Amino acid sequence: MTSSIVIDANAAATPATDPGKTTSQRRAGYREPVRGVSFAGILRSERIKLSSLRSIKLTLLITVVLGIGLSTGVALLFSNELRSGETDILGSGAVALQAYLLMIATFAGPFLALIFGVLGVLAISSEYSSGMILSTLTAVPKRTPVFIGKAIVLAVVSALTALVLVVGGLAAAIICYPESAAQLGSSVVVSGVLGTVVYLVLISLFAFGVAALLRSTAGGIAVLAGVTFVLPIAFQMLTMTGWSWVSTVSEYLPSQLGFVLSQGVVDVSSGPSFAVALAAMIGWVAVVVVPATIAFKRRDAR
């Protein structure tokens, strides 16, 4: 006696009944949507990646120690001169105290701009050099949120580091010359401190955009050094030619714009004002970040 087994091919293709779906949804072949990574998750991931890099930690440590050390040294020098009354550089009265506070708090800014730029370069170039960018874009196929998330995390880290630097500088200035604390809340001091913080954040974002375009750590640092240090020297030499446009253009280089922002909201007889300098610095960032965003979205990750 033999037995036969009949296999119904259609039965294998019949999906199991999901009690959570309505009859109309089952008939239409309804499928639950696949949820992607949220933007908050992207920010958390980028924060973890940035904070886990040893080079980033070392850069931040050097920045804080060097910045506060320089500010303390300058505070010791000028506080002694203020007590003896031997300096006319800062002026007199409240103006002198405001200038003293701003000088100490923002003194290290121009010197540390390169370090903040290196931070911006490493924030994205390290992923290309290690190949981690492939894993990142596999987990989050939509590239624009990834790029924006990286920029936001970088801006926050840069802002916090810059804030520590200027607050540390203010603390050193007040400790060395307690009388200056009376001008701590003046509009000039507050705007100068915030202007320095914004400048350092924008420098890091500028370097971030350059590195995203070049995908090279060495290339990004080279361009950053050229813009922040070499260009001012070159334009200073060009002033000997007597061309009028040289001095005008040199006033809108990032280093000079940073100097204007560190002076706070004050009346200026010539050159860009605080608001104009801020807008010009944002323009420098936009020139590289906007095309970098487009390139990051369209180019192959390799």
C-alpha atoms as a PDB file:
ATOM      1  CA  MET A   1       0.000   0.000   0.000  1.00  0.00           C
ATOM      2  CA  THR A   2       1.477   3.325  -1.014  1.00  0.00           C
ATOM      3  CA  SER A   3       0.609   6.781   0.146  1.00  0.00           C
ATOM      4  CA  SER A   4       1.019  10.051  -1.682  1.00  0.00           C
ATOM      5  CA  ILE A   5       1.673  13.524  -0.356  1.00  0.00           C
ATOM      6  CA  VAL A   6       0.180  16.471  -2.163  1.00  0.00           C
ATOM      7  CA  ILE A   7       2.089  19.786  -1.782  1.00  0.00           C
ATOM      8  CA  ASP A   8       0.131  22.925  -2.384  1.00  0.00           C
ATOM      9  CA  ALA A   9       2.562  25.567  -3.603  1.00  0.00           C
ATOM     10  CA  ASN A  10       0.077  28.322  -2.972  1.00  0.00           C
ATOM     11  CA  ALA A  11      -0.091  27.449   0.697  1.00  0.00           C
ATOM     12  CA  ALA A  12       3.588  28.283   1.212  1.00  0.00           C
ATOM     13  CA  ALA A  13       3.114  31.744  -0.164  1.00  0.00           C
ATOM     14  CA  THR A  14       0.187  32.508   2.103  1.00  0.00           C
ATOM     15  CA  PRO A  15       1.354  34.854   4.821  1.00  0.00           C
ATOM     16  CA  ALA A  16       0.478  34.233   8.405  1.00  0.00           C
ATOM     17  CA  THR A  17      -2.486  36.150   9.658  1.00  0.00           C
ATOM     18  CA  ASP A  18      -1.513  39.140  11.756  1.00  0.00           C
ATOM     19  CA  PRO A  19      -4.204  39.750  14.334  1.00  0.00           C
ATOM     20  CA  GLY A  20      -3.057  43.371  14.605  1.00  0.00           C
ATOM     21  CA  LYS A  21      -4.089  44.179  11.012  1.00  0.00           C
ATOM     22  CA  THR A  22      -7.571  44.802   9.757  1.00  0.00           C
ATOM     23  CA  THR A  23      -9.090  42.687   7.024  1.00  0.00           C
ATOM     24  CA  SER A  24      -8.682  45.434   4.439  1.00  0.00           C
ATOM     25  CA  GLN A  25      -5.004  45.858   5.351  1.00  0.00           C
ATOM     26  CA  ARG A  26      -4.360  42.121   4.977  1.00  0.00           C
ATOM     27  CA  ARG A  27      -6.074  42.024   1.591  1.00  0.00           C
ATOM     28  CA  ALA A  28      -4.013  44.986   0.342  1.00  0.00           C
ATOM     29  CA  GLY A  29      -0.738  43.361   1.419  1.00  0.00           C
ATOM     30  CA  TYR A  30      -0.098  46.030   4.048  1.00  0.00           C
ATOM     31  CA  ARG A  31       3.397  46.086   5.548  1.00  0.00           C
ATOM     32  CA  GLU A  32       4.577  47.895   8.646  1.00  0.00           C
ATOM     33  CA  PRO A  33       6.854  50.833   7.785  1.00  0.00           C
ATOM     34  CA  VAL A  34      10.531  50.404   8.587  1.00  0.00           C
ATOM     35  CA  ARG A  35      11.672  53.088  10.935  1.00  0.00           C
ATOM     36  CA  GLY A  36      15.015  54.766  10.207  1.00  0.00           C
ATOM     37  CA  VAL A  37      17.498  56.301  12.602  1.00  0.00           C
ATOM     38  CA  SER A  38      16.138  59.452  14.217  1.00  0.00           C
ATOM     39  CA  PHE A  39      18.048  62.725  14.056  1.00  0.00           C
ATOM     40  CA  ALA A  40      18.531  62.564  17.826  1.00  0.00           C
ATOM     41  CA  GLY A  41      20.139  59.154  17.322  1.00  0.00           C
ATOM     42  CA  ILE A  42      22.434  60.623  14.663  1.00  0.00           C
ATOM     43  CA  LEU A  43      23.507  63.388  17.034  1.00  0.00           C
ATOM     44  CA  ARG A  44      24.149  60.882  19.806  1.00  0.00           C
ATOM     45  CA  SER A  45      26.180  58.689  17.462  1.00  0.00           C
ATOM     46  CA  GLU A  46      28.273  61.598  16.205  1.00  0.00           C
ATOM     47  CA  ARG A  47      28.902  62.776  19.763  1.00  0.00           C
ATOM     48  CA  ILE A  48      30.135  59.333  20.757  1.00  0.00           C
ATOM     49  CA  LYS A  49      32.386  59.057  17.711  1.00  0.00           C
ATOM     50  CA  LEU A  50      33.861  62.507  18.215  1.00  0.00           C
ATOM     51  CA  SER A  51      34.475  62.057  21.941  1.00  0.00           C
ATOM     52  CA  SER A  52      36.029  58.610  21.446  1.00  0.00           C
ATOM     53  CA  LEU A  53      38.851  59.903  19.223  1.00  0.00           C
ATOM     54  CA  ARG A  54      42.092  60.197  21.178  1.00  0.00           C
ATOM     55  CA  SER A  55      43.337  62.911  18.827  1.00  0.00           C
ATOM     56  CA  ILE A  56      40.248  65.023  19.582  1.00  0.00           C
ATOM     57  CA  LYS A  57      40.712  64.652  23.343  1.00  0.00           C
ATOM     58  CA  LEU A  58      44.373  65.592  23.075  1.00  0.00           C
ATOM     59  CA  THR A  59      43.560  68.594  20.883  1.00  0.00           C
ATOM     60  CA  LEU A  60      40.955  69.883  23.333  1.00  0.00           C
ATOM     61  CA  LEU A  61      43.277  69.402  26.303  1.00  0.00           C
ATOM     62  CA  ILE A  62      46.114  71.280  24.622  1.00  0.00           C
ATOM     63  CA  THR A  63      43.716  74.045  23.614  1.00  0.00           C
ATOM     64  CA  VAL A  64      42.395  74.612  27.135  1.00  0.00           C
ATOM     65  CA  VAL A  65      45.762  74.382  28.902  1.00  0.00           C
ATOM     66  CA  LEU A  66      47.587  76.560  26.376  1.00  0.00           C
ATOM     67  CA  GLY A  67      44.796  79.122  26.155  1.00  0.00           C
ATOM     68  CA  ILE A  68      44.331  79.647  29.883  1.00  0.00           C
ATOM     69  CA  GLY A  69      48.103  79.603  30.389  1.00  0.00           C
ATOM     70  CA  LEU A  70      48.611  82.400  27.848  1.00  0.00           C
ATOM     71  CA  SER A  71      45.767  84.442  29.329  1.00  0.00           C
ATOM     72  CA  THR A  72      47.181  84.089  32.843  1.00  0.00           C
ATOM     73  CA  GLY A  73      50.630  85.227  31.736  1.00  0.00           C
ATOM     74  CA  VAL A  74      49.224  88.325  30.012  1.00  0.00           C
ATOM     75  CA  ALA A  75      47.002  89.044  33.027  1.00  0.00           C
ATOM     76  CA  LEU A  76      50.000  89.038  35.351  1.00  0.00           C
ATOM     77  CA  LEU A  77      51.845  91.447  33.064  1.00  0.00           C
ATOM     78  CA  PHE A  78      49.089  94.005  32.506  1.00  0.00           C
ATOM     79  CA  SER A  79      47.693  93.892  36.041  1.00  0.00           C
ATOM     80  CA  ASN A  80      51.076  95.016  37.388  1.00  0.00           C
ATOM     81  CA  GLU A  81      51.159  97.845  34.860  1.00  0.00           C
ATOM     82  CA  LEU A  82      47.630  98.916  35.778  1.00  0.00           C
ATOM     83  CA  ARG A  83      48.587  99.089  39.440  1.00  0.00           C
ATOM     84  CA  SER A  84      51.662 101.165  38.700  1.00  0.00           C
ATOM     85  CA  GLY A  85      49.806 103.353  36.186  1.00  0.00           C
ATOM     86  CA  GLU A  86      52.592 102.982  33.638  1.00  0.00           C
ATOM     87  CA  THR A  87      50.438 101.944  30.691  1.00  0.00           C
ATOM     88  CA  ASP A  88      48.416 104.217  28.438  1.00  0.00           C
ATOM     89  CA  ILE A  89      47.474 101.481  25.957  1.00  0.00           C
ATOM     90  CA  LEU A  90      44.247 100.546  27.748  1.00  0.00           C
ATOM     91  CA  GLY A  91      43.053 104.084  28.392  1.00  0.00           C
ATOM     92  CA  SER A  92      41.630 105.099  31.750  1.00  0.00           C
ATOM     93  CA  GLY A  93      38.630 104.503  33.989  1.00  0.00           C
ATOM     94  CA  ALA A  94      35.917 102.053  32.926  1.00  0.00           C
ATOM     95  CA  VAL A  95      37.279 101.911  29.378  1.00  0.00           C
ATOM     96  CA  ALA A  96      40.636 100.690  30.656  1.00  0.00           C
ATOM     97  CA  LEU A  97      39.016  97.974  32.775  1.00  0.00           C
ATOM     98  CA  GLN A  98      36.882  96.794  29.828  1.00  0.00           C
ATOM     99  CA  ALA A  99      39.903  96.711  27.529  1.00  0.00           C
ATOM    100  CA  TYR A 100      41.875  94.815  30.169  1.00  0.00           C
ATOM    101  CA  LEU A 101      39.182  92.155  30.576  1.00  0.00           C
ATOM    102  CA  LEU A 102      38.749  91.713  26.825  1.00  0.00           C
ATOM    103  CA  MET A 103      42.480  91.580  26.182  1.00  0.00           C
ATOM    104  CA  ILE A 104      42.995  88.812  28.722  1.00  0.00           C
ATOM    105  CA  ALA A 105      39.866  86.825  27.814  1.00  0.00           C
ATOM    106  CA  THR A 106      40.399  86.960  24.054  1.00  0.00           C
ATOM    107  CA  PHE A 107      44.192  87.118  23.832  1.00  0.00           C
ATOM    108  CA  ALA A 108      44.617  83.431  23.005  1.00  0.00           C
ATOM    109  CA  GLY A 109      41.814  83.390  20.406  1.00  0.00           C
ATOM    110  CA  PRO A 110      43.854  84.268  17.290  1.00  0.00           C
ATOM    111  CA  PHE A 111      46.645  81.852  18.288  1.00  0.00           C
ATOM    112  CA  LEU A 112      44.233  78.997  18.998  1.00  0.00           C
ATOM    113  CA  ALA A 113      42.161  79.495  15.851  1.00  0.00           C
ATOM    114  CA  LEU A 114      44.397  76.984  14.077  1.00  0.00           C
ATOM    115  CA  ILE A 115      43.783  74.396  16.807  1.00  0.00           C
ATOM    116  CA  PHE A 116      40.025  74.870  16.518  1.00  0.00           C
ATOM    117  CA  GLY A 117      40.442  74.449  12.779  1.00  0.00           C
ATOM    118  CA  VAL A 118      42.337  71.202  13.315  1.00  0.00           C
ATOM    119  CA  LEU A 119      39.430  70.054  15.478  1.00  0.00           C
ATOM    120  CA  GLY A 120      37.064  70.745  12.583  1.00  0.00           C
ATOM    121  CA  VAL A 121      39.293  68.876  10.131  1.00  0.00           C
ATOM    122  CA  LEU A 122      39.585  65.803  12.354  1.00  0.00           C
ATOM    123  CA  ALA A 123      35.825  65.745  12.953  1.00  0.00           C
ATOM    124  CA  ILE A 124      35.272  64.391   9.434  1.00  0.00           C
ATOM    125  CA  SER A 125      38.619  63.461   7.877  1.00  0.00           C
ATOM    126  CA  SER A 126      39.276  60.829  10.551  1.00  0.00           C
ATOM    127  CA  GLU A 127      36.266  58.844   9.322  1.00  0.00           C
ATOM    128  CA  TYR A 128      37.554  58.820   5.761  1.00  0.00           C
ATOM    129  CA  SER A 129      41.054  57.777   6.794  1.00  0.00           C
ATOM    130  CA  SER A 130      39.760  54.947   9.004  1.00  0.00           C
ATOM    131  CA  GLY A 131      37.011  53.825   6.608  1.00  0.00           C
ATOM    132  CA  MET A 132      34.347  54.321   9.281  1.00  0.00           C
ATOM    133  CA  ILE A 133      32.438  56.579   6.922  1.00  0.00           C
ATOM    134  CA  LEU A 134      31.227  53.469   5.066  1.00  0.00           C
ATOM    135  CA  SER A 135      29.669  52.074   8.249  1.00  0.00           C
ATOM    136  CA  THR A 136      28.141  55.431   9.061  1.00  0.00           C
ATOM    137  CA  LEU A 137      26.459  55.795   5.682  1.00  0.00           C
ATOM    138  CA  THR A 138      25.323  52.159   5.744  1.00  0.00           C
ATOM    139  CA  ALA A 139      23.545  52.748   9.048  1.00  0.00           C
ATOM    140  CA  VAL A 140      22.105  56.084   7.855  1.00  0.00           C
ATOM    141  CA  PRO A 141      21.661  56.046   4.064  1.00  0.00           C
ATOM    142  CA  LYS A 142      20.338  59.627   4.026  1.00  0.00           C
ATOM    143  CA  ARG A 143      23.579  61.577   3.991  1.00  0.00           C
ATOM    144  CA  THR A 144      22.390  65.123   4.592  1.00  0.00           C
ATOM    145  CA  PRO A 145      21.249  64.467   8.199  1.00  0.00           C
ATOM    146  CA  VAL A 146      24.609  62.816   8.883  1.00  0.00           C
ATOM    147  CA  PHE A 147      26.528  65.840   7.615  1.00  0.00           C
ATOM    148  CA  ILE A 148      24.319  68.267   9.523  1.00  0.00           C
ATOM    149  CA  GLY A 149      24.627  66.135  12.653  1.00  0.00           C
ATOM    150  CA  LYS A 150      28.423  66.185  12.414  1.00  0.00           C
ATOM    151  CA  ALA A 151      28.415  69.971  12.009  1.00  0.00           C
ATOM    152  CA  ILE A 152      26.089  70.494  14.982  1.00  0.00           C
ATOM    153  CA  VAL A 153      28.132  68.260  17.289  1.00  0.00           C
ATOM    154  CA  LEU A 154      31.339  69.984  16.182  1.00  0.00           C
ATOM    155  CA  ALA A 155      29.799  73.419  16.780  1.00  0.00           C
ATOM    156  CA  VAL A 156      28.647  72.460  20.284  1.00  0.00           C
ATOM    157  CA  VAL A 157      32.032  70.996  21.249  1.00  0.00           C
ATOM    158  CA  SER A 158      33.838  74.034  19.837  1.00  0.00           C
ATOM    159  CA  ALA A 159      31.501  76.445  21.604  1.00  0.00           C
ATOM    160  CA  LEU A 160      31.940  74.723  24.974  1.00  0.00           C
ATOM    161  CA  THR A 161      35.726  74.648  24.588  1.00  0.00           C
ATOM    162  CA  ALA A 162      35.857  78.306  23.536  1.00  0.00           C
ATOM    163  CA  LEU A 163      33.585  79.242  26.431  1.00  0.00           C
ATOM    164  CA  VAL A 164      35.911  77.490  28.886  1.00  0.00           C
ATOM    165  CA  LEU A 165      38.833  79.424  27.399  1.00  0.00           C
ATOM    166  CA  VAL A 166      37.281  82.883  27.640  1.00  0.00           C
ATOM    167  CA  VAL A 167      35.734  82.261  31.058  1.00  0.00           C
ATOM    168  CA  GLY A 168      39.100  80.981  32.267  1.00  0.00           C
ATOM    169  CA  GLY A 169      40.722  84.120  30.849  1.00  0.00           C
ATOM    170  CA  LEU A 170      38.188  86.342  32.618  1.00  0.00           C
ATOM    171  CA  ALA A 171      38.791  84.498  35.869  1.00  0.00           C
ATOM    172  CA  ALA A 172      42.555  84.991  35.532  1.00  0.00           C
ATOM    173  CA  ALA A 173      42.056  88.688  34.779  1.00  0.00           C
ATOM    174  CA  ILE A 174      39.838  89.228  37.826  1.00  0.00           C
ATOM    175  CA  ILE A 175      42.133  87.254  40.133  1.00  0.00           C
ATOM    176  CA  CYS A 176      45.128  89.304  39.022  1.00  0.00           C
ATOM    177  CA  TYR A 177      43.238  92.616  39.154  1.00  0.00           C
ATOM    178  CA  PRO A 178      40.022  92.365  41.242  1.00  0.00           C
ATOM    179  CA  GLU A 179      38.930  95.942  40.455  1.00  0.00           C
ATOM    180  CA  SER A 180      38.156  94.855  36.877  1.00  0.00           C
ATOM    181  CA  ALA A 181      35.224  92.724  38.071  1.00  0.00           C
ATOM    182  CA  ALA A 182      33.071  95.872  38.105  1.00  0.00           C
ATOM    183  CA  GLN A 183      33.037  95.885  34.280  1.00  0.00           C
ATOM    184  CA  LEU A 184      32.385  92.177  33.862  1.00  0.00           C
ATOM    185  CA  GLY A 185      28.752  92.676  32.802  1.00  0.00           C
ATOM    186  CA  SER A 186      29.332  95.627  30.473  1.00  0.00           C
ATOM    187  CA  SER A 187      27.996  95.325  26.937  1.00  0.00           C
ATOM    188  CA  VAL A 188      31.458  95.685  25.424  1.00  0.00           C
ATOM    189  CA  VAL A 189      32.925  92.846  27.472  1.00  0.00           C
ATOM    190  CA  VAL A 190      29.946  90.526  26.980  1.00  0.00           C
ATOM    191  CA  SER A 191      29.782  91.120  23.216  1.00  0.00           C
ATOM    192  CA  GLY A 192      33.560  90.708  22.878  1.00  0.00           C
ATOM    193  CA  VAL A 193      33.535  87.426  24.764  1.00  0.00           C
ATOM    194  CA  LEU A 194      30.612  86.075  22.755  1.00  0.00           C
ATOM    195  CA  GLY A 195      32.199  87.336  19.546  1.00  0.00           C
ATOM    196  CA  THR A 196      35.365  85.384  20.291  1.00  0.00           C
ATOM    197  CA  VAL A 197      33.383  82.223  20.994  1.00  0.00           C
ATOM    198  CA  VAL A 198      31.417  82.603  17.758  1.00  0.00           C
ATOM    199  CA  TYR A 199      34.602  83.249  15.772  1.00  0.00           C
ATOM    200  CA  LEU A 200      36.287  80.082  17.030  1.00  0.00           C
ATOM    201  CA  VAL A 201      33.154  78.031  16.321  1.00  0.00           C
ATOM    202  CA  LEU A 202      32.953  79.413  12.784  1.00  0.00           C
ATOM    203  CA  ILE A 203      36.652  78.683  12.202  1.00  0.00           C
ATOM    204  CA  SER A 204      36.084  75.049  13.176  1.00  0.00           C
ATOM    205  CA  LEU A 205      33.080  74.834  10.826  1.00  0.00           C
ATOM    206  CA  PHE A 206      35.103  76.435   8.017  1.00  0.00           C
ATOM    207  CA  ALA A 207      37.811  73.808   8.449  1.00  0.00           C
ATOM    208  CA  PHE A 208      35.128  71.123   8.645  1.00  0.00           C
ATOM    209  CA  GLY A 209      33.788  72.176   5.249  1.00  0.00           C
ATOM    210  CA  VAL A 210      37.257  72.281   3.691  1.00  0.00           C
ATOM    211  CA  ALA A 211      38.089  68.810   5.009  1.00  0.00           C
ATOM    212  CA  ALA A 212      34.777  67.444   3.730  1.00  0.00           C
ATOM    213  CA  LEU A 213      35.600  68.723   0.246  1.00  0.00           C
ATOM    214  CA  LEU A 214      39.202  67.473   0.236  1.00  0.00           C
ATOM    215  CA  ARG A 215      38.693  64.279   2.311  1.00  0.00           C
ATOM    216  CA  SER A 216      42.235  64.753   3.563  1.00  0.00           C
ATOM    217  CA  THR A 217      43.562  65.651   6.993  1.00  0.00           C
ATOM    218  CA  ALA A 218      46.807  67.092   5.658  1.00  0.00           C
ATOM    219  CA  GLY A 219      45.036  68.991   2.895  1.00  0.00           C
ATOM    220  CA  GLY A 220      42.454  70.450   5.240  1.00  0.00           C
ATOM    221  CA  ILE A 221      45.070  71.661   7.722  1.00  0.00           C
ATOM    222  CA  ALA A 222      47.191  73.109   4.897  1.00  0.00           C
ATOM    223  CA  VAL A 223      44.268  75.148   3.519  1.00  0.00           C
ATOM    224  CA  LEU A 224      43.301  76.275   7.015  1.00  0.00           C
ATOM    225  CA  ALA A 225      46.841  77.428   7.806  1.00  0.00           C
ATOM    226  CA  GLY A 226      47.017  79.214   4.481  1.00  0.00           C
ATOM    227  CA  VAL A 227      43.793  81.138   5.054  1.00  0.00           C
ATOM    228  CA  THR A 228      44.380  82.036   8.703  1.00  0.00           C
ATOM    229  CA  PHE A 229      48.145  82.719   8.697  1.00  0.00           C
ATOM    230  CA  VAL A 230      49.677  82.871   5.227  1.00  0.00           C
ATOM    231  CA  LEU A 231      47.059  85.111   3.573  1.00  0.00           C
ATOM    232  CA  PRO A 232      47.371  87.922   6.168  1.00  0.00           C
ATOM    233  CA  ILE A 233      51.157  87.955   5.707  1.00  0.00           C
ATOM    234  CA  ALA A 234      50.791  87.978   1.933  1.00  0.00           C
ATOM    235  CA  PHE A 235      48.345  90.900   2.011  1.00  0.00           C
ATOM    236  CA  GLN A 236      50.569  92.756   4.446  1.00  0.00           C
ATOM    237  CA  MET A 237      53.369  92.518   1.902  1.00  0.00           C
ATOM    238  CA  LEU A 238      51.019  93.594  -0.873  1.00  0.00           C
ATOM    239  CA  THR A 239      50.260  96.839   0.958  1.00  0.00           C
ATOM    240  CA  MET A 240      53.684  98.064  -0.176  1.00  0.00           C
ATOM    241  CA  THR A 241      52.335  98.164  -3.734  1.00  0.00           C
ATOM    242  CA  GLY A 242      49.999 101.018  -2.835  1.00  0.00           C
ATOM    243  CA  TRP A 243      46.939  99.329  -4.320  1.00  0.00           C
ATOM    244  CA  SER A 244      43.849 100.535  -2.487  1.00  0.00           C
ATOM    245  CA  TRP A 245      41.936  97.272  -2.785  1.00  0.00           C
ATOM    246  CA  VAL A 246      44.590  95.369  -0.814  1.00  0.00           C
ATOM    247  CA  SER A 247      43.787  97.053   2.499  1.00  0.00           C
ATOM    248  CA  THR A 248      40.063  96.677   1.886  1.00  0.00           C
ATOM    249  CA  VAL A 249      40.271  92.965   1.185  1.00  0.00           C
ATOM    250  CA  SER A 250      42.651  92.337   4.083  1.00  0.00           C
ATOM    251  CA  GLU A 251      40.030  93.702   6.492  1.00  0.00           C
ATOM    252  CA  TYR A 252      37.747  90.798   5.558  1.00  0.00           C
ATOM    253  CA  LEU A 253      40.203  87.964   6.060  1.00  0.00           C
ATOM    254  CA  PRO A 254      39.171  85.562   8.845  1.00  0.00           C
ATOM    255  CA  SER A 255      41.980  86.604  11.195  1.00  0.00           C
ATOM    256  CA  GLN A 256      41.039  90.282  10.968  1.00  0.00           C
ATOM    257  CA  LEU A 257      37.343  89.492  11.296  1.00  0.00           C
ATOM    258  CA  GLY A 258      38.123  87.537  14.456  1.00  0.00           C
ATOM    259  CA  PHE A 259      39.965  90.560  15.859  1.00  0.00           C
ATOM    260  CA  VAL A 260      36.939  92.780  15.201  1.00  0.00           C
ATOM    261  CA  LEU A 261      34.585  90.297  16.872  1.00  0.00           C
ATOM    262  CA  SER A 262      36.851  90.063  19.921  1.00  0.00           C
ATOM    263  CA  GLN A 263      36.622  93.844  20.419  1.00  0.00           C
ATOM    264  CA  GLY A 264      32.884  93.704  21.045  1.00  0.00           C
ATOM    265  CA  VAL A 265      30.228  96.126  19.882  1.00  0.00           C
ATOM    266  CA  VAL A 266      32.088  99.437  19.699  1.00  0.00           C
ATOM    267  CA  ASP A 267      32.063 102.399  17.340  1.00  0.00           C
ATOM    268  CA  VAL A 268      34.606 102.027  14.540  1.00  0.00           C
ATOM    269  CA  SER A 269      35.952 104.818  12.374  1.00  0.00           C
ATOM    270  CA  SER A 270      36.957 102.534   9.514  1.00  0.00           C
ATOM    271  CA  GLY A 271      36.711  98.907   8.549  1.00  0.00           C
ATOM    272  CA  PRO A 272      33.886  96.458   9.234  1.00  0.00           C
ATOM    273  CA  SER A 273      31.726  96.817  12.329  1.00  0.00           C
ATOM    274  CA  PHE A 274      30.875  93.966  14.686  1.00  0.00           C
ATOM    275  CA  ALA A 275      27.725  93.032  12.742  1.00  0.00           C
ATOM    276  CA  VAL A 276      29.457  93.254   9.359  1.00  0.00           C
ATOM    277  CA  ALA A 277      32.378  91.166  10.603  1.00  0.00           C
ATOM    278  CA  LEU A 278      29.979  88.517  11.904  1.00  0.00           C
ATOM    279  CA  ALA A 279      28.137  88.403   8.562  1.00  0.00           C
ATOM    280  CA  ALA A 280      31.414  88.206   6.638  1.00  0.00           C
ATOM    281  CA  MET A 281      32.675  85.358   8.813  1.00  0.00           C
ATOM    282  CA  ILE A 282      29.425  83.456   8.274  1.00  0.00           C
ATOM    283  CA  GLY A 283      29.945  84.029   4.554  1.00  0.00           C
ATOM    284  CA  TRP A 284      33.392  82.405   4.722  1.00  0.00           C
ATOM    285  CA  VAL A 285      31.824  79.351   6.320  1.00  0.00           C
ATOM    286  CA  ALA A 286      28.942  79.193   3.853  1.00  0.00           C
ATOM    287  CA  VAL A 287      31.333  79.301   0.884  1.00  0.00           C
ATOM    288  CA  VAL A 288      32.801  75.933   1.861  1.00  0.00           C
ATOM    289  CA  VAL A 289      30.068  74.248   3.916  1.00  0.00           C
ATOM    290  CA  VAL A 290      27.312  74.540   1.299  1.00  0.00           C
ATOM    291  CA  PRO A 291      29.291  72.862  -1.527  1.00  0.00           C
ATOM    292  CA  ALA A 292      30.680  70.382   1.002  1.00  0.00           C
ATOM    293  CA  THR A 293      27.126  69.372   1.918  1.00  0.00           C
ATOM    294  CA  ILE A 294      26.260  68.829  -1.749  1.00  0.00           C
ATOM    295  CA  ALA A 295      29.463  66.876  -2.382  1.00  0.00           C
ATOM    296  CA  PHE A 296      28.936  64.722   0.718  1.00  0.00           C
ATOM    297  CA  LYS A 297      25.474  63.842  -0.530  1.00  0.00           C
ATOM    298  CA  ARG A 298      26.387  63.040  -4.145  1.00  0.00           C
ATOM    299  CA  ARG A 299      29.930  61.673  -4.127  1.00  0.00           C
ATOM    300  CA  ASP A 300      30.865  58.081  -3.506  1.00  0.00           C
ATOM    301  CA  ALA A 301      31.912  57.456   0.090  1.00  0.00           C
ATOM    302  CA  ARG A 302      35.162  55.721  -0.900  1.00  0.00           C
END
